[in-house]
C-alpha cells in the first residue's frame, strides 16, 4: 500500500472514529473482513483473496443509516479503498436477524490497464453501489456481497458498542 493510500484510509477512519468519540455511548461500529470470493468468469489472473477490512458506523445508534470505509485488494490484486454511505433494512419478516444493506460511495484504486474494469472510472475514482444480504445476531454477522456482475464475496463481522 502506498503512503498516500494509507493516509486516505487512515483519514477516513479517523473521521468516522472522531464522530464516534463525540457520540453517545450506544453508537454502533461494525468491523468486518472477507472470507471467500468467487468470480463468475474464470480468469487465471483474478485475485480471490481480497484482504478486505471494513469499518462501518451506524448513526444514530440502532438506526439504519451508516457511514463506512473499506480497504481491499481488487480482482487484479491492486489495493483499493471504498468510502460510502448506506442504509440497512431488516428482513425479520423472513428470518429474525436477516438484513439487506445497500451502500453508495466512491471506489478508488483501479488503475493502469485495469482502470476500465469498472464503469465511470475517469480519474481513478468511480461511483459504486453495492448490495448486501446478511444475518446478524447481537454481536456477530455474516454477509454475502455482490461485486457488480463480476463476483460475490462472503464476509464476517463483529458489532462493537452495542
C-alpha atoms as a PDB file:
ATOM      1  CA  UNK A   1       0.000   0.000   0.000  1.00  0.00           C
ATOM      2  CA  UNK A   2       1.406   3.357  -0.947  1.00  0.00           C
ATOM      3  CA  UNK A   3       1.796   6.033   1.692  1.00  0.00           C
ATOM      4  CA  UNK A   4      -0.856   8.246   0.047  1.00  0.00           C
ATOM      5  CA  UNK A   5      -3.437   5.440   0.042  1.00  0.00           C
ATOM      6  CA  UNK A   6      -2.642   4.555   3.621  1.00  0.00           C
ATOM      7  CA  UNK A   7      -3.157   8.204   4.568  1.00  0.00           C
ATOM      8  CA  UNK A   8      -6.522   8.288   2.769  1.00  0.00           C
ATOM      9  CA  UNK A   9      -7.750   5.189   4.635  1.00  0.00           C
ATOM     10  CA  UNK A  10      -6.415   6.423   7.973  1.00  0.00           C
ATOM     11  CA  UNK A  11      -8.011   9.854   7.500  1.00  0.00           C
ATOM     12  CA  UNK A  12     -11.362   8.271   6.660  1.00  0.00           C
ATOM     13  CA  UNK A  13     -11.144   6.016   9.710  1.00  0.00           C
ATOM     14  CA  UNK A  14     -10.212   8.984  11.911  1.00  0.00           C
ATOM     15  CA  UNK A  15     -13.177  10.998  10.607  1.00  0.00           C
ATOM     16  CA  UNK A  16     -15.522   8.142  11.441  1.00  0.00           C
ATOM     17  CA  UNK A  17     -13.936   7.495  14.822  1.00  0.00           C
ATOM     18  CA  UNK A  18     -13.893  11.192  15.744  1.00  0.00           C
ATOM     19  CA  UNK A  19     -17.651  11.273  15.243  1.00  0.00           C
ATOM     20  CA  UNK A  20     -17.981   8.169  17.389  1.00  0.00           C
ATOM     21  CA  UNK A  21     -15.839   9.660  20.160  1.00  0.00           C
ATOM     22  CA  UNK A  22     -18.240  12.614  20.452  1.00  0.00           C
ATOM     23  CA  UNK A  23     -21.306  10.401  20.216  1.00  0.00           C
ATOM     24  CA  UNK A  24     -23.398   8.819  22.898  1.00  0.00           C
ATOM     25  CA  UNK A  25     -22.055   5.548  24.310  1.00  0.00           C
ATOM     26  CA  UNK A  26     -24.557   3.356  22.450  1.00  0.00           C
ATOM     27  CA  UNK A  27     -23.331   4.244  18.956  1.00  0.00           C
ATOM     28  CA  UNK A  28     -22.555   1.137  16.940  1.00  0.00           C
ATOM     29  CA  UNK A  29     -19.466   0.203  14.960  1.00  0.00           C
ATOM     30  CA  UNK A  30     -19.318  -2.860  12.720  1.00  0.00           C
ATOM     31  CA  UNK A  31     -15.918  -4.292  11.754  1.00  0.00           C
ATOM     32  CA  UNK A  32     -15.745  -6.912   9.006  1.00  0.00           C
ATOM     33  CA  UNK A  33     -13.308  -8.886   6.888  1.00  0.00           C
ATOM     34  CA  UNK A  34     -13.559 -11.079   3.795  1.00  0.00           C
ATOM     35  CA  UNK A  35     -13.528 -14.870   3.992  1.00  0.00           C
ATOM     36  CA  UNK A  36     -14.217 -16.030   0.459  1.00  0.00           C
ATOM     37  CA  UNK A  37     -14.618 -14.552  -3.029  1.00  0.00           C
ATOM     38  CA  UNK A  38     -15.819 -16.248  -6.199  1.00  0.00           C
ATOM     39  CA  UNK A  39     -15.589 -14.635  -9.628  1.00  0.00           C
ATOM     40  CA  UNK A  40     -18.356 -15.559 -12.053  1.00  0.00           C
ATOM     41  CA  UNK A  41     -15.968 -15.864 -15.014  1.00  0.00           C
ATOM     42  CA  UNK A  42     -12.792 -17.844 -14.581  1.00  0.00           C
ATOM     43  CA  UNK A  43      -9.614 -15.895 -15.243  1.00  0.00           C
ATOM     44  CA  UNK A  44      -6.266 -17.227 -14.028  1.00  0.00           C
ATOM     45  CA  UNK A  45      -5.229 -13.648 -13.169  1.00  0.00           C
ATOM     46  CA  UNK A  46      -8.183 -12.924 -10.873  1.00  0.00           C
ATOM     47  CA  UNK A  47      -7.378 -12.490  -7.214  1.00  0.00           C
ATOM     48  CA  UNK A  48      -9.848 -14.308  -4.935  1.00  0.00           C
ATOM     49  CA  UNK A  49      -8.185 -13.157  -1.695  1.00  0.00           C
ATOM     50  CA  UNK A  50      -9.451  -9.618  -1.211  1.00  0.00           C
ATOM     51  CA  UNK A  51      -7.925  -8.977   2.255  1.00  0.00           C
ATOM     52  CA  UNK A  52     -10.906  -6.727   2.962  1.00  0.00           C
ATOM     53  CA  UNK A  53     -11.094  -4.721   6.178  1.00  0.00           C
ATOM     54  CA  UNK A  54     -14.190  -2.572   6.642  1.00  0.00           C
ATOM     55  CA  UNK A  55     -15.410  -0.298   9.414  1.00  0.00           C
ATOM     56  CA  UNK A  56     -18.997   0.951   9.475  1.00  0.00           C
ATOM     57  CA  UNK A  57     -20.556   3.449  11.859  1.00  0.00           C
ATOM     58  CA  UNK A  58     -24.328   3.345  12.370  1.00  0.00           C
ATOM     59  CA  UNK A  59     -25.737   6.757  13.295  1.00  0.00           C
ATOM     60  CA  UNK A  60     -27.642   7.355  15.424  1.00  0.00           C
ATOM     61  CA  UNK A  61     -27.277   4.108  17.295  1.00  0.00           C
ATOM     62  CA  UNK A  62     -29.679   1.368  16.258  1.00  0.00           C
ATOM     63  CA  UNK A  63     -30.682   3.294  13.142  1.00  0.00           C
ATOM     64  CA  UNK A  64     -30.409   2.038   9.604  1.00  0.00           C
ATOM     65  CA  UNK A  65     -28.073   4.799   8.326  1.00  0.00           C
ATOM     66  CA  UNK A  66     -24.342   4.124   8.184  1.00  0.00           C
ATOM     67  CA  UNK A  67     -21.006   5.555   7.058  1.00  0.00           C
ATOM     68  CA  UNK A  68     -18.164   3.250   6.096  1.00  0.00           C
ATOM     69  CA  UNK A  69     -14.565   2.949   4.961  1.00  0.00           C
ATOM     70  CA  UNK A  70     -13.100  -0.176   3.360  1.00  0.00           C
ATOM     71  CA  UNK A  71      -9.733  -1.225   2.051  1.00  0.00           C
ATOM     72  CA  UNK A  72      -9.267  -4.378  -0.054  1.00  0.00           C
ATOM     73  CA  UNK A  73      -7.378  -5.932  -2.953  1.00  0.00           C
ATOM     74  CA  UNK A  74      -9.377  -5.851  -6.174  1.00  0.00           C
ATOM     75  CA  UNK A  75      -9.653  -8.648  -8.740  1.00  0.00           C
ATOM     76  CA  UNK A  76      -6.293  -7.595 -10.163  1.00  0.00           C
ATOM     77  CA  UNK A  77      -4.501  -7.512  -6.798  1.00  0.00           C
ATOM     78  CA  UNK A  78      -4.478  -3.695  -6.624  1.00  0.00           C
ATOM     79  CA  UNK A  79      -5.065  -2.081  -3.212  1.00  0.00           C
ATOM     80  CA  UNK A  80      -8.377  -0.154  -3.296  1.00  0.00           C
ATOM     81  CA  UNK A  81     -10.457   1.995  -0.987  1.00  0.00           C
ATOM     82  CA  UNK A  82     -14.216   2.452  -0.820  1.00  0.00           C
ATOM     83  CA  UNK A  83     -15.739   5.328   1.201  1.00  0.00           C
ATOM     84  CA  UNK A  84     -19.516   5.155   1.442  1.00  0.00           C
ATOM     85  CA  UNK A  85     -22.873   5.984   2.932  1.00  0.00           C
ATOM     86  CA  UNK A  86     -25.520   3.295   3.225  1.00  0.00           C
ATOM     87  CA  UNK A  87     -28.731   2.045   4.689  1.00  0.00           C
ATOM     88  CA  UNK A  88     -29.567  -1.293   6.272  1.00  0.00           C
ATOM     89  CA  UNK A  89     -33.030  -2.872   6.019  1.00  0.00           C
ATOM     90  CA  UNK A  90     -34.239  -5.521   8.463  1.00  0.00           C
ATOM     91  CA  UNK A  91     -35.686  -8.657   6.873  1.00  0.00           C
ATOM     92  CA  UNK A  92     -37.150 -10.000  10.116  1.00  0.00           C
ATOM     93  CA  UNK A  93     -40.331 -10.958   8.256  1.00  0.00           C
ATOM     94  CA  UNK A  94     -38.204 -13.650   6.537  1.00  0.00           C
ATOM     95  CA  UNK A  95     -35.971 -14.588   9.476  1.00  0.00           C
ATOM     96  CA  UNK A  96     -35.099 -12.758  12.694  1.00  0.00           C
ATOM     97  CA  UNK A  97     -31.598 -11.259  12.296  1.00  0.00           C
ATOM     98  CA  UNK A  98     -31.639 -11.208   8.471  1.00  0.00           C
ATOM     99  CA  UNK A  99     -30.915  -7.897   6.805  1.00  0.00           C
ATOM    100  CA  UNK A 100     -30.261  -6.292   3.461  1.00  0.00           C
ATOM    101  CA  UNK A 101     -27.889  -3.386   3.005  1.00  0.00           C
ATOM    102  CA  UNK A 102     -27.169  -1.015   0.131  1.00  0.00           C
ATOM    103  CA  UNK A 103     -24.162   1.295   0.077  1.00  0.00           C
ATOM    104  CA  UNK A 104     -23.306   4.158  -2.266  1.00  0.00           C
ATOM    105  CA  UNK A 105     -19.850   5.656  -2.391  1.00  0.00           C
ATOM    106  CA  UNK A 106     -16.575   6.308  -4.139  1.00  0.00           C
ATOM    107  CA  UNK A 107     -14.277   3.464  -5.161  1.00  0.00           C
ATOM    108  CA  UNK A 108     -10.607   4.280  -5.713  1.00  0.00           C
ATOM    109  CA  UNK A 109      -7.697   2.118  -6.868  1.00  0.00           C
ATOM    110  CA  UNK A 110      -8.451   0.542 -10.244  1.00  0.00           C
ATOM    111  CA  UNK A 111      -5.607   1.833 -12.383  1.00  0.00           C
ATOM    112  CA  UNK A 112      -3.373   1.128 -15.337  1.00  0.00           C
ATOM    113  CA  UNK A 113      -4.681  -1.448 -17.789  1.00  0.00           C
ATOM    114  CA  UNK A 114      -7.487  -2.329 -15.325  1.00  0.00           C
ATOM    115  CA  UNK A 115      -8.804   1.234 -14.988  1.00  0.00           C
ATOM    116  CA  UNK A 116     -11.731   0.489 -17.322  1.00  0.00           C
ATOM    117  CA  UNK A 117     -12.729  -2.662 -15.425  1.00  0.00           C
ATOM    118  CA  UNK A 118     -15.263  -0.562 -13.515  1.00  0.00           C
ATOM    119  CA  UNK A 119     -17.586   1.994 -15.128  1.00  0.00           C
ATOM    120  CA  UNK A 120     -17.073   5.765 -14.811  1.00  0.00           C
ATOM    121  CA  UNK A 121     -13.517   5.412 -13.500  1.00  0.00           C
ATOM    122  CA  UNK A 122     -12.225   8.554 -15.208  1.00  0.00           C
ATOM    123  CA  UNK A 123      -9.727   9.755 -12.608  1.00  0.00           C
ATOM    124  CA  UNK A 124      -9.005   6.516 -10.742  1.00  0.00           C
ATOM    125  CA  UNK A 125     -12.140   7.040  -8.634  1.00  0.00           C
ATOM    126  CA  UNK A 126     -15.602   5.828  -9.578  1.00  0.00           C
ATOM    127  CA  UNK A 127     -19.064   5.834  -8.034  1.00  0.00           C
ATOM    128  CA  UNK A 128     -20.238   2.450  -6.764  1.00  0.00           C
ATOM    129  CA  UNK A 129     -23.455   0.913  -5.457  1.00  0.00           C
ATOM    130  CA  UNK A 130     -23.007  -2.322  -3.526  1.00  0.00           C
ATOM    131  CA  UNK A 131     -25.914  -4.526  -2.370  1.00  0.00           C
ATOM    132  CA  UNK A 132     -25.543  -6.950   0.517  1.00  0.00           C
ATOM    133  CA  UNK A 133     -27.679  -9.557   2.221  1.00  0.00           C
ATOM    134  CA  UNK A 134     -26.744 -10.961   5.588  1.00  0.00           C
ATOM    135  CA  UNK A 135     -27.530 -12.222   9.036  1.00  0.00           C
ATOM    136  CA  UNK A 136     -26.529 -10.693  12.360  1.00  0.00           C
ATOM    137  CA  UNK A 137     -27.129 -11.712  15.932  1.00  0.00           C
ATOM    138  CA  UNK A 138     -26.289  -9.362  18.803  1.00  0.00           C
ATOM    139  CA  UNK A 139     -22.517  -9.320  18.143  1.00  0.00           C
ATOM    140  CA  UNK A 140     -21.578 -11.273  15.003  1.00  0.00           C
ATOM    141  CA  UNK A 141     -22.647 -11.094  11.381  1.00  0.00           C
ATOM    142  CA  UNK A 142     -22.123 -12.746   8.031  1.00  0.00           C
ATOM    143  CA  UNK A 143     -22.776 -11.066   4.675  1.00  0.00           C
ATOM    144  CA  UNK A 144     -22.965 -12.011   1.019  1.00  0.00           C
ATOM    145  CA  UNK A 145     -21.869  -9.032  -1.077  1.00  0.00           C
ATOM    146  CA  UNK A 146     -22.471  -8.703  -4.810  1.00  0.00           C
ATOM    147  CA  UNK A 147     -19.478  -7.137  -6.555  1.00  0.00           C
ATOM    148  CA  UNK A 148     -21.200  -5.864  -9.668  1.00  0.00           C
ATOM    149  CA  UNK A 149     -21.581  -8.581 -12.256  1.00  0.00           C
ATOM    150  CA  UNK A 150     -18.066  -9.875 -11.598  1.00  0.00           C
ATOM    151  CA  UNK A 151     -18.037 -11.698  -8.269  1.00  0.00           C
ATOM    152  CA  UNK A 152     -19.637 -12.497  -4.941  1.00  0.00           C
ATOM    153  CA  UNK A 153     -17.902 -12.160  -1.574  1.00  0.00           C
ATOM    154  CA  UNK A 154     -18.580 -13.696   1.849  1.00  0.00           C
ATOM    155  CA  UNK A 155     -17.622 -11.589   4.870  1.00  0.00           C
ATOM    156  CA  UNK A 156     -17.828 -11.949   8.630  1.00  0.00           C
ATOM    157  CA  UNK A 157     -18.060  -9.125  11.096  1.00  0.00           C
ATOM    158  CA  UNK A 158     -18.381  -8.146  14.710  1.00  0.00           C
ATOM    159  CA  UNK A 159     -20.521  -5.382  16.224  1.00  0.00           C
ATOM    160  CA  UNK A 160     -18.746  -3.064  18.602  1.00  0.00           C
ATOM    161  CA  UNK A 161     -20.516  -0.796  21.022  1.00  0.00           C
ATOM    162  CA  UNK A 162     -23.935  -2.446  21.230  1.00  0.00           C
END
